[in-house]
Amino acid sequence: MPQIKIRGIETEIIRKLSTQLIDELAILTQSPRDYFTLEVIHSTFVMDGEVVPGYPFVEIAWFDRGQETQNQVAQAISRLLKEGGCPNVDIMFTILEKSNYYENG
């Protein structure tokens, strides 16, 4: 169920990396590939009255899988994005509580 939301990175970069990214994350998290959602959010970044390039940012919402797995996932995402032409990226994890998550009611 990891939900991966990406801002400030071109869709084409993510499209090209998407298969390898999900393959690696599925192995690291021991989750089926179809549990993942990968969303590229198109945002307009503004500073001082001007439209500016956005800083690459990845947010992962998931159930806790432990610090070691979280570190491995962050490293894999950073490495793949760097290989894809995005040398800098911030990654943030949001830990969901199972008691607060409903699927189909």
PDB file of N, CA and C in Angstrom:
ATOM      1  N   MET A   1       0.783  -1.193   0.000  1.00  0.00           N
ATOM      2  CA  MET A   1       0.000   0.000   0.000  1.00  0.00           C
ATOM      3  C   MET A   1       0.826   1.257   0.000  1.00  0.00           C
ATOM      4  N   PRO A   2       2.141   1.166  -0.088  1.00  0.00           N
ATOM      5  CA  PRO A   2       2.893   2.414  -0.118  1.00  0.00           C
ATOM      6  C   PRO A   2       2.406   3.346  -1.222  1.00  0.00           C
ATOM      7  N   GLN A   3       2.099   4.568  -0.827  1.00  0.00           N
ATOM      8  CA  GLN A   3       1.673   5.599  -1.770  1.00  0.00           C
ATOM      9  C   GLN A   3       2.839   6.553  -1.945  1.00  0.00           C
ATOM     10  N   ILE A   4       3.332   6.658  -3.162  1.00  0.00           N
ATOM     11  CA  ILE A   4       4.495   7.492  -3.445  1.00  0.00           C
ATOM     12  C   ILE A   4       4.027   8.683  -4.269  1.00  0.00           C
ATOM     13  N   LYS A   5       4.218   9.883  -3.712  1.00  0.00           N
ATOM     14  CA  LYS A   5       3.814  11.121  -4.372  1.00  0.00           C
ATOM     15  C   LYS A   5       5.065  11.934  -4.669  1.00  0.00           C
ATOM     16  N   ILE A   6       5.169  12.392  -5.908  1.00  0.00           N
ATOM     17  CA  ILE A   6       6.391  13.053  -6.375  1.00  0.00           C
ATOM     18  C   ILE A   6       6.050  14.437  -6.920  1.00  0.00           C
ATOM     19  N   ARG A   7       6.845  15.424  -6.495  1.00  0.00           N
ATOM     20  CA  ARG A   7       6.697  16.801  -6.976  1.00  0.00           C
ATOM     21  C   ARG A   7       8.060  17.310  -7.437  1.00  0.00           C
ATOM     22  N   GLY A   8       8.031  18.232  -8.385  1.00  0.00           N
ATOM     23  CA  GLY A   8       9.261  18.888  -8.800  1.00  0.00           C
ATOM     24  C   GLY A   8      10.165  18.030  -9.672  1.00  0.00           C
ATOM     25  N   ILE A   9       9.652  16.933 -10.188  1.00  0.00           N
ATOM     26  CA  ILE A   9      10.417  16.056 -11.084  1.00  0.00           C
ATOM     27  C   ILE A   9       9.536  15.791 -12.306  1.00  0.00           C
ATOM     28  N   GLU A  10      10.125  15.895 -13.475  1.00  0.00           N
ATOM     29  CA  GLU A  10       9.361  15.708 -14.703  1.00  0.00           C
ATOM     30  C   GLU A  10       8.771  14.304 -14.784  1.00  0.00           C
ATOM     31  N   THR A  11       7.564  14.234 -15.276  1.00  0.00           N
ATOM     32  CA  THR A  11       6.859  12.961 -15.428  1.00  0.00           C
ATOM     33  C   THR A  11       7.666  11.974 -16.255  1.00  0.00           C
ATOM     34  N   GLU A  12       8.343  12.447 -17.283  1.00  0.00           N
ATOM     35  CA  GLU A  12       9.102  11.558 -18.163  1.00  0.00           C
ATOM     36  C   GLU A  12      10.210  10.832 -17.410  1.00  0.00           C
ATOM     37  N   ILE A  13      10.862  11.504 -16.477  1.00  0.00           N
ATOM     38  CA  ILE A  13      11.903  10.864 -15.672  1.00  0.00           C
ATOM     39  C   ILE A  13      11.291   9.739 -14.841  1.00  0.00           C
ATOM     40  N   ILE A  14      10.162  10.020 -14.204  1.00  0.00           N
ATOM     41  CA  ILE A  14       9.503   9.013 -13.369  1.00  0.00           C
ATOM     42  C   ILE A  14       8.978   7.864 -14.218  1.00  0.00           C
ATOM     43  N   ARG A  15       8.420   8.191 -15.375  1.00  0.00           N
ATOM     44  CA  ARG A  15       7.906   7.148 -16.279  1.00  0.00           C
ATOM     45  C   ARG A  15       9.006   6.158 -16.639  1.00  0.00           C
ATOM     46  N   LYS A  16      10.183   6.673 -16.969  1.00  0.00           N
ATOM     47  CA  LYS A  16      11.291   5.809 -17.371  1.00  0.00           C
ATOM     48  C   LYS A  16      11.810   4.958 -16.209  1.00  0.00           C
ATOM     49  N   LEU A  17      11.724   5.481 -14.994  1.00  0.00           N
ATOM     50  CA  LEU A  17      12.235   4.771 -13.818  1.00  0.00           C
ATOM     51  C   LEU A  17      11.189   3.904 -13.121  1.00  0.00           C
ATOM     52  N   SER A  18       9.932   4.053 -13.501  1.00  0.00           N
ATOM     53  CA  SER A  18       8.833   3.478 -12.716  1.00  0.00           C
ATOM     54  C   SER A  18       8.925   1.960 -12.539  1.00  0.00           C
ATOM     55  N   THR A  19       9.236   1.225 -13.568  1.00  0.00           N
ATOM     56  CA  THR A  19       9.295  -0.238 -13.443  1.00  0.00           C
ATOM     57  C   THR A  19      10.407  -0.661 -12.492  1.00  0.00           C
ATOM     58  N   GLN A  20      11.602  -0.143 -12.712  1.00  0.00           N
ATOM     59  CA  GLN A  20      12.736  -0.498 -11.862  1.00  0.00           C
ATOM     60  C   GLN A  20      12.496  -0.030 -10.417  1.00  0.00           C
ATOM     61  N   LEU A  21      11.915   1.148 -10.264  1.00  0.00           N
ATOM     62  CA  LEU A  21      11.644   1.686  -8.926  1.00  0.00           C
ATOM     63  C   LEU A  21      10.702   0.767  -8.154  1.00  0.00           C
ATOM     64  N   ILE A  22       9.587   0.420  -8.752  1.00  0.00           N
ATOM     65  CA  ILE A  22       8.619  -0.440  -8.066  1.00  0.00           C
ATOM     66  C   ILE A  22       9.190  -1.838  -7.845  1.00  0.00           C
ATOM     67  N   ASP A  23       9.932  -2.350  -8.821  1.00  0.00           N
ATOM     68  CA  ASP A  23      10.561  -3.670  -8.642  1.00  0.00           C
ATOM     69  C   ASP A  23      11.463  -3.679  -7.409  1.00  0.00           C
ATOM     70  N   GLU A  24      12.317  -2.672  -7.289  1.00  0.00           N
ATOM     71  CA  GLU A  24      13.243  -2.618  -6.153  1.00  0.00           C
ATOM     72  C   GLU A  24      12.517  -2.419  -4.830  1.00  0.00           C
ATOM     73  N   LEU A  25      11.531  -1.533  -4.828  1.00  0.00           N
ATOM     74  CA  LEU A  25      10.810  -1.255  -3.582  1.00  0.00           C
ATOM     75  C   LEU A  25       9.984  -2.467  -3.148  1.00  0.00           C
ATOM     76  N   ALA A  26       9.450  -3.204  -4.102  1.00  0.00           N
ATOM     77  CA  ALA A  26       8.691  -4.412  -3.762  1.00  0.00           C
ATOM     78  C   ALA A  26       9.586  -5.426  -3.057  1.00  0.00           C
ATOM     79  N   ILE A  27      10.804  -5.551  -3.532  1.00  0.00           N
ATOM     80  CA  ILE A  27      11.751  -6.475  -2.894  1.00  0.00           C
ATOM     81  C   ILE A  27      12.127  -5.972  -1.503  1.00  0.00           C
ATOM     82  N   LEU A  28      12.470  -4.693  -1.397  1.00  0.00           N
ATOM     83  CA  LEU A  28      12.895  -4.143  -0.108  1.00  0.00           C
ATOM     84  C   LEU A  28      11.805  -4.216   0.957  1.00  0.00           C
ATOM     85  N   THR A  29      10.553  -4.019   0.539  1.00  0.00           N
ATOM     86  CA  THR A  29       9.448  -3.991   1.503  1.00  0.00           C
ATOM     87  C   THR A  29       8.741  -5.337   1.610  1.00  0.00           C
ATOM     88  N   GLN A  30       9.134  -6.292   0.771  1.00  0.00           N
ATOM     89  CA  GLN A  30       8.492  -7.597   0.716  1.00  0.00           C
ATOM     90  C   GLN A  30       6.980  -7.448   0.503  1.00  0.00           C
ATOM     91  N   SER A  31       6.651  -6.593  -0.481  1.00  0.00           N
ATOM     92  CA  SER A  31       5.253  -6.310  -0.819  1.00  0.00           C
ATOM     93  C   SER A  31       5.017  -6.598  -2.295  1.00  0.00           C
ATOM     94  N   PRO A  32       3.810  -7.018  -2.655  1.00  0.00           N
ATOM     95  CA  PRO A  32       3.498  -7.204  -4.077  1.00  0.00           C
ATOM     96  C   PRO A  32       3.575  -5.876  -4.828  1.00  0.00           C
ATOM     97  N   ARG A  33       3.968  -5.922  -6.078  1.00  0.00           N
ATOM     98  CA  ARG A  33       4.096  -4.717  -6.905  1.00  0.00           C
ATOM     99  C   ARG A  33       2.798  -3.916  -6.958  1.00  0.00           C
ATOM    100  N   ASP A  34       1.667  -4.638  -7.010  1.00  0.00           N
ATOM    101  CA  ASP A  34       0.398  -3.922  -7.171  1.00  0.00           C
ATOM    102  C   ASP A  34      -0.078  -3.237  -5.891  1.00  0.00           C
ATOM    103  N   TYR A  35       0.672  -3.326  -4.818  1.00  0.00           N
ATOM    104  CA  TYR A  35       0.350  -2.581  -3.597  1.00  0.00           C
ATOM    105  C   TYR A  35       0.784  -1.119  -3.706  1.00  0.00           C
ATOM    106  N   PHE A  36       1.680  -0.817  -4.632  1.00  0.00           N
ATOM    107  CA  PHE A  36       2.252   0.522  -4.750  1.00  0.00           C
ATOM    108  C   PHE A  36       1.410   1.420  -5.648  1.00  0.00           C
ATOM    109  N   THR A  37       1.336   2.678  -5.261  1.00  0.00           N
ATOM    110  CA  THR A  37       0.822   3.701  -6.171  1.00  0.00           C
ATOM    111  C   THR A  37       1.928   4.729  -6.345  1.00  0.00           C
ATOM    112  N   LEU A  38       2.092   5.180  -7.562  1.00  0.00           N
ATOM    113  CA  LEU A  38       3.132   6.131  -7.921  1.00  0.00           C
ATOM    114  C   LEU A  38       2.440   7.302  -8.609  1.00  0.00           C
ATOM    115  N   GLU A  39       2.491   8.463  -7.982  1.00  0.00           N
ATOM    116  CA  GLU A  39       1.778   9.635  -8.488  1.00  0.00           C
ATOM    117  C   GLU A  39       2.753  10.789  -8.676  1.00  0.00           C
ATOM    118  N   VAL A  40       2.730  11.371  -9.882  1.00  0.00           N
ATOM    119  CA  VAL A  40       3.505  12.575 -10.144  1.00  0.00           C
ATOM    120  C   VAL A  40       2.526  13.744 -10.056  1.00  0.00           C
ATOM    121  N   ILE A  41       2.787  14.626  -9.104  1.00  0.00           N
ATOM    122  CA  ILE A  41       1.896  15.762  -8.874  1.00  0.00           C
ATOM    123  C   ILE A  41       2.469  16.975  -9.594  1.00  0.00           C
ATOM    124  N   HIS A  42       1.677  17.537 -10.472  1.00  0.00           N
ATOM    125  CA  HIS A  42       2.100  18.717 -11.217  1.00  0.00           C
ATOM    126  C   HIS A  42       1.798  19.950 -10.375  1.00  0.00           C
ATOM    127  N   SER A  43       2.846  20.626  -9.974  1.00  0.00           N
ATOM    128  CA  SER A  43       2.718  21.785  -9.103  1.00  0.00           C
ATOM    129  C   SER A  43       3.391  22.985  -9.741  1.00  0.00           C
ATOM    130  N   THR A  44       2.927  24.146  -9.377  1.00  0.00           N
ATOM    131  CA  THR A  44       3.575  25.385  -9.775  1.00  0.00           C
ATOM    132  C   THR A  44       4.223  25.970  -8.533  1.00  0.00           C
ATOM    133  N   PHE A  45       5.510  26.188  -8.593  1.00  0.00           N
ATOM    134  CA  PHE A  45       6.256  26.730  -7.472  1.00  0.00           C
ATOM    135  C   PHE A  45       6.467  28.228  -7.701  1.00  0.00           C
ATOM    136  N   VAL A  46       6.231  29.005  -6.664  1.00  0.00           N
ATOM    137  CA  VAL A  46       6.299  30.449  -6.768  1.00  0.00           C
ATOM    138  C   VAL A  46       7.173  31.002  -5.657  1.00  0.00           C
ATOM    139  N   MET A  47       8.013  31.995  -6.018  1.00  0.00           N
ATOM    140  CA  MET A  47       8.829  32.673  -5.020  1.00  0.00           C
ATOM    141  C   MET A  47       9.047  34.114  -5.470  1.00  0.00           C
ATOM    142  N   ASP A  48       8.826  35.038  -4.568  1.00  0.00           N
ATOM    143  CA  ASP A  48       9.026  36.459  -4.856  1.00  0.00           C
ATOM    144  C   ASP A  48       8.282  36.909  -6.106  1.00  0.00           C
ATOM    145  N   GLY A  49       7.063  36.437  -6.271  1.00  0.00           N
ATOM    146  CA  GLY A  49       6.231  36.858  -7.385  1.00  0.00           C
ATOM    147  C   GLY A  49       6.566  36.215  -8.718  1.00  0.00           C
ATOM    148  N   GLU A  50       7.462  35.241  -8.729  1.00  0.00           N
ATOM    149  CA  GLU A  50       7.874  34.582  -9.962  1.00  0.00           C
ATOM    150  C   GLU A  50       7.626  33.085  -9.877  1.00  0.00           C
ATOM    151  N   VAL A  51       7.332  32.480 -11.024  1.00  0.00           N
ATOM    152  CA  VAL A  51       7.261  31.029 -11.111  1.00  0.00           C
ATOM    153  C   VAL A  51       8.702  30.529 -11.187  1.00  0.00           C
ATOM    154  N   VAL A  52       9.026  29.571 -10.316  1.00  0.00           N
ATOM    155  CA  VAL A  52      10.394  29.051 -10.226  1.00  0.00           C
ATOM    156  C   VAL A  52      10.376  27.532 -10.341  1.00  0.00           C
ATOM    157  N   PRO A  53      11.507  26.939 -10.702  1.00  0.00           N
ATOM    158  CA  PRO A  53      11.566  25.472 -10.724  1.00  0.00           C
ATOM    159  C   PRO A  53      11.339  24.917  -9.318  1.00  0.00           C
ATOM    160  N   GLY A  54      10.638  23.807  -9.230  1.00  0.00           N
ATOM    161  CA  GLY A  54      10.383  23.187  -7.941  1.00  0.00           C
ATOM    162  C   GLY A  54      11.555  22.331  -7.499  1.00  0.00           C
ATOM    163  N   TYR A  55      11.704  22.208  -6.187  1.00  0.00           N
ATOM    164  CA  TYR A  55      12.736  21.332  -5.660  1.00  0.00           C
ATOM    165  C   TYR A  55      12.177  19.912  -5.644  1.00  0.00           C
ATOM    166  N   PRO A  56      12.930  18.946  -6.125  1.00  0.00           N
ATOM    167  CA  PRO A  56      12.449  17.559  -6.162  1.00  0.00           C
ATOM    168  C   PRO A  56      12.106  17.035  -4.765  1.00  0.00           C
ATOM    169  N   PHE A  57      10.906  16.486  -4.652  1.00  0.00           N
ATOM    170  CA  PHE A  57      10.407  16.037  -3.352  1.00  0.00           C
ATOM    171  C   PHE A  57       9.586  14.771  -3.541  1.00  0.00           C
ATOM    172  N   VAL A  58       9.871  13.761  -2.722  1.00  0.00           N
ATOM    173  CA  VAL A  58       9.133  12.498  -2.753  1.00  0.00           C
ATOM    174  C   VAL A  58       8.554  12.261  -1.372  1.00  0.00           C
ATOM    175  N   GLU A  59       7.260  11.994  -1.332  1.00  0.00           N
ATOM    176  CA  GLU A  59       6.589  11.678  -0.069  1.00  0.00           C
ATOM    177  C   GLU A  59       6.054  10.258  -0.149  1.00  0.00           C
ATOM    178  N   ILE A  60       6.365   9.460   0.856  1.00  0.00           N
ATOM    179  CA  ILE A  60       5.896   8.079   0.905  1.00  0.00           C
ATOM    180  C   ILE A  60       5.000   7.914   2.125  1.00  0.00           C
ATOM    181  N   ALA A  61       3.754   7.560   1.894  1.00  0.00           N
ATOM    182  CA  ALA A  61       2.814   7.260   2.982  1.00  0.00           C
ATOM    183  C   ALA A  61       2.679   5.744   3.031  1.00  0.00           C
ATOM    184  N   TRP A  62       2.937   5.176   4.213  1.00  0.00           N
ATOM    185  CA  TRP A  62       2.895   3.724   4.341  1.00  0.00           C
ATOM    186  C   TRP A  62       2.758   3.315   5.792  1.00  0.00           C
ATOM    187  N   PHE A  63       2.548   2.006   5.997  1.00  0.00           N
ATOM    188  CA  PHE A  63       2.559   1.452   7.344  1.00  0.00           C
ATOM    189  C   PHE A  63       4.020   1.214   7.729  1.00  0.00           C
ATOM    190  N   ASP A  64       4.327   1.397   8.982  1.00  0.00           N
ATOM    191  CA  ASP A  64       5.703   1.297   9.460  1.00  0.00           C
ATOM    192  C   ASP A  64       6.326  -0.045   9.085  1.00  0.00           C
ATOM    193  N   ARG A  65       7.506   0.008   8.517  1.00  0.00           N
ATOM    194  CA  ARG A  65       8.246  -1.193   8.140  1.00  0.00           C
ATOM    195  C   ARG A  65       9.617  -1.233   8.816  1.00  0.00           C
ATOM    196  N   GLY A  66       9.808  -0.377   9.807  1.00  0.00           N
ATOM    197  CA  GLY A  66      11.074  -0.343  10.531  1.00  0.00           C
ATOM    198  C   GLY A  66      12.063   0.622   9.902  1.00  0.00           C
ATOM    199  N   GLN A  67      12.973   1.117  10.730  1.00  0.00           N
ATOM    200  CA  GLN A  67      13.934   2.131  10.286  1.00  0.00           C
ATOM    201  C   GLN A  67      14.883   1.611   9.211  1.00  0.00           C
ATOM    202  N   GLU A  68      15.328   0.375   9.336  1.00  0.00           N
ATOM    203  CA  GLU A  68      16.266  -0.170   8.354  1.00  0.00           C
ATOM    204  C   GLU A  68      15.643  -0.213   6.960  1.00  0.00           C
ATOM    205  N   THR A  69      14.420  -0.712   6.857  1.00  0.00           N
ATOM    206  CA  THR A  69      13.730  -0.761   5.561  1.00  0.00           C
ATOM    207  C   THR A  69      13.485   0.645   5.039  1.00  0.00           C
ATOM    208  N   GLN A  70      13.086   1.535   5.910  1.00  0.00           N
ATOM    209  CA  GLN A  70      12.847   2.925   5.499  1.00  0.00           C
ATOM    210  C   GLN A  70      14.129   3.531   4.926  1.00  0.00           C
ATOM    211  N   ASN A  71      15.253   3.313   5.589  1.00  0.00           N
ATOM    212  CA  ASN A  71      16.532   3.829   5.093  1.00  0.00           C
ATOM    213  C   ASN A  71      16.880   3.237   3.729  1.00  0.00           C
ATOM    214  N   GLN A  72      16.650   1.941   3.564  1.00  0.00           N
ATOM    215  CA  GLN A  72      16.952   1.275   2.294  1.00  0.00           C
ATOM    216  C   GLN A  72      16.079   1.818   1.167  1.00  0.00           C
ATOM    217  N   VAL A  73      14.802   2.066   1.461  1.00  0.00           N
ATOM    218  CA  VAL A  73      13.886   2.611   0.459  1.00  0.00           C
ATOM    219  C   VAL A  73      14.329   4.021   0.062  1.00  0.00           C
ATOM    220  N   ALA A  74      14.676   4.848   1.040  1.00  0.00           N
ATOM    221  CA  ALA A  74      15.135   6.209   0.741  1.00  0.00           C
ATOM    222  C   ALA A  74      16.403   6.179  -0.113  1.00  0.00           C
ATOM    223  N   GLN A  75      17.326   5.290   0.209  1.00  0.00           N
ATOM    224  CA  GLN A  75      18.565   5.181  -0.561  1.00  0.00           C
ATOM    225  C   GLN A  75      18.294   4.708  -1.990  1.00  0.00           C
ATOM    226  N   ALA A  76      17.394   3.755  -2.152  1.00  0.00           N
ATOM    227  CA  ALA A  76      17.064   3.249  -3.487  1.00  0.00           C
ATOM    228  C   ALA A  76      16.425   4.341  -4.335  1.00  0.00           C
ATOM    229  N   ILE A  77      15.489   5.074  -3.756  1.00  0.00           N
ATOM    230  CA  ILE A  77      14.824   6.150  -4.504  1.00  0.00           C
ATOM    231  C   ILE A  77      15.840   7.220  -4.885  1.00  0.00           C
ATOM    232  N   SER A  78      16.681   7.626  -3.950  1.00  0.00           N
ATOM    233  CA  SER A  78      17.699   8.648  -4.234  1.00  0.00           C
ATOM    234  C   SER A  78      18.636   8.201  -5.351  1.00  0.00           C
ATOM    235  N   ARG A  79      19.091   6.962  -5.274  1.00  0.00           N
ATOM    236  CA  ARG A  79      20.016   6.435  -6.280  1.00  0.00           C
ATOM    237  C   ARG A  79      19.377   6.404  -7.666  1.00  0.00           C
ATOM    238  N   LEU A  80      18.152   5.880  -7.739  1.00  0.00           N
ATOM    239  CA  LEU A  80      17.487   5.773  -9.041  1.00  0.00           C
ATOM    240  C   LEU A  80      17.198   7.147  -9.638  1.00  0.00           C
ATOM    241  N   LEU A  81      16.766   8.084  -8.809  1.00  0.00           N
ATOM    242  CA  LEU A  81      16.506   9.426  -9.335  1.00  0.00           C
ATOM    243  C   LEU A  81      17.794  10.091  -9.804  1.00  0.00           C
ATOM    244  N   LYS A  82      18.873   9.881  -9.069  1.00  0.00           N
ATOM    245  CA  LYS A  82      20.159  10.432  -9.492  1.00  0.00           C
ATOM    246  C   LYS A  82      20.566   9.846 -10.835  1.00  0.00           C
ATOM    247  N   GLU A  83      20.423   8.525 -10.972  1.00  0.00           N
ATOM    248  CA  GLU A  83      20.741   7.874 -12.252  1.00  0.00           C
ATOM    249  C   GLU A  83      19.845   8.388 -13.373  1.00  0.00           C
ATOM    250  N   GLY A  84      18.624   8.791 -13.031  1.00  0.00           N
ATOM    251  CA  GLY A  84      17.672   9.287 -14.022  1.00  0.00           C
ATOM    252  C   GLY A  84      17.840  10.757 -14.357  1.00  0.00           C
ATOM    253  N   GLY A  85      18.822  11.419 -13.730  1.00  0.00           N
ATOM    254  CA  GLY A  85      19.082  12.815 -14.068  1.00  0.00           C
ATOM    255  C   GLY A  85      18.609  13.817 -13.040  1.00  0.00           C
ATOM    256  N   CYS A  86      18.237  13.354 -11.875  1.00  0.00           N
ATOM    257  CA  CYS A  86      17.756  14.239 -10.816  1.00  0.00           C
ATOM    258  C   CYS A  86      18.724  14.105  -9.629  1.00  0.00           C
ATOM    259  N   PRO A  87      19.780  14.939  -9.586  1.00  0.00           N
ATOM    260  CA  PRO A  87      20.838  14.742  -8.585  1.00  0.00           C
ATOM    261  C   PRO A  87      20.442  15.032  -7.145  1.00  0.00           C
ATOM    262  N   ASN A  88      19.414  15.833  -6.934  1.00  0.00           N
ATOM    263  CA  ASN A  88      18.994  16.187  -5.572  1.00  0.00           C
ATOM    264  C   ASN A  88      17.527  15.857  -5.369  1.00  0.00           C
ATOM    265  N   VAL A  89      17.213  15.342  -4.189  1.00  0.00           N
ATOM    266  CA  VAL A  89      15.815  15.047  -3.861  1.00  0.00           C
ATOM    267  C   VAL A  89      15.668  14.960  -2.348  1.00  0.00           C
ATOM    268  N   ASP A  90      14.571  15.475  -1.849  1.00  0.00           N
ATOM    269  CA  ASP A  90      14.203  15.281  -0.451  1.00  0.00           C
ATOM    270  C   ASP A  90      13.142  14.195  -0.409  1.00  0.00           C
ATOM    271  N   ILE A  91      13.216  13.353   0.611  1.00  0.00           N
ATOM    272  CA  ILE A  91      12.266  12.246   0.771  1.00  0.00           C
ATOM    273  C   ILE A  91      11.695  12.322   2.172  1.00  0.00           C
ATOM    274  N   MET A  92      10.381  12.206   2.265  1.00  0.00           N
ATOM    275  CA  MET A  92       9.711  12.243   3.559  1.00  0.00           C
ATOM    276  C   MET A  92       8.768  11.046   3.667  1.00  0.00           C
ATOM    277  N   PHE A  93       8.795  10.401   4.824  1.00  0.00           N
ATOM    278  CA  PHE A  93       7.905   9.278   5.083  1.00  0.00           C
ATOM    279  C   PHE A  93       6.811   9.722   6.045  1.00  0.00           C
ATOM    280  N   THR A  94       5.595   9.354   5.719  1.00  0.00           N
ATOM    281  CA  THR A  94       4.464   9.544   6.614  1.00  0.00           C
ATOM    282  C   THR A  94       4.011   8.151   7.036  1.00  0.00           C
ATOM    283  N   ILE A  95       4.045   7.905   8.337  1.00  0.00           N
ATOM    284  CA  ILE A  95       3.672   6.594   8.855  1.00  0.00           C
ATOM    285  C   ILE A  95       2.176   6.584   9.154  1.00  0.00           C
ATOM    286  N   LEU A  96       1.478   5.670   8.513  1.00  0.00           N
ATOM    287  CA  LEU A  96       0.039   5.542   8.707  1.00  0.00           C
ATOM    288  C   LEU A  96      -0.239   4.525   9.809  1.00  0.00           C
ATOM    289  N   GLU A  97      -1.279   4.762  10.562  1.00  0.00           N
ATOM    290  CA  GLU A  97      -1.714   3.803  11.587  1.00  0.00           C
ATOM    291  C   GLU A  97      -2.837   2.967  11.005  1.00  0.00           C
ATOM    292  N   LYS A  98      -2.741   1.668  11.153  1.00  0.00           N
ATOM    293  CA  LYS A  98      -3.746   0.773  10.567  1.00  0.00           C
ATOM    294  C   LYS A  98      -5.153   1.082  11.085  1.00  0.00           C
ATOM    295  N   SER A  99      -5.266   1.521  12.330  1.00  0.00           N
ATOM    296  CA  SER A  99      -6.586   1.832  12.881  1.00  0.00           C
ATOM    297  C   SER A  99      -7.198   3.076  12.239  1.00  0.00           C
ATOM    298  N   ASN A 100      -6.396   3.874  11.546  1.00  0.00           N
ATOM    299  CA  ASN A 100      -6.888   5.086  10.898  1.00  0.00           C
ATOM    300  C   ASN A 100      -6.994   4.955   9.382  1.00  0.00           C
ATOM    301  N   TYR A 101      -6.786   3.764   8.870  1.00  0.00           N
ATOM    302  CA  TYR A 101      -6.789   3.548   7.421  1.00  0.00           C
ATOM    303  C   TYR A 101      -7.931   2.591   7.081  1.00  0.00           C
ATOM    304  N   TYR A 102      -8.792   3.022   6.165  1.00  0.00           N
ATOM    305  CA  TYR A 102      -9.949   2.202   5.774  1.00  0.00           C
ATOM    306  C   TYR A 102      -9.867   1.932   4.271  1.00  0.00           C
ATOM    307  N   GLU A 103     -10.065   0.689   3.911  1.00  0.00           N
ATOM    308  CA  GLU A 103     -10.136   0.312   2.519  1.00  0.00           C
ATOM    309  C   GLU A 103     -11.536  -0.238   2.261  1.00  0.00           C
ATOM    310  N   ASN A 104     -12.273   0.447   1.406  1.00  0.00           N
ATOM    311  CA  ASN A 104     -13.660   0.078   1.108  1.00  0.00           C
ATOM    312  C   ASN A 104     -14.537   0.087   2.359  1.00  0.00           C
ATOM    313  N   GLY A 105     -14.317   1.062   3.216  1.00  0.00           N
ATOM    314  CA  GLY A 105     -15.163   1.238   4.392  1.00  0.00           C
ATOM    315  C   GLY A 105     -14.745   0.376   5.545  1.00  0.00           C
TER     316      GLY A 105
END
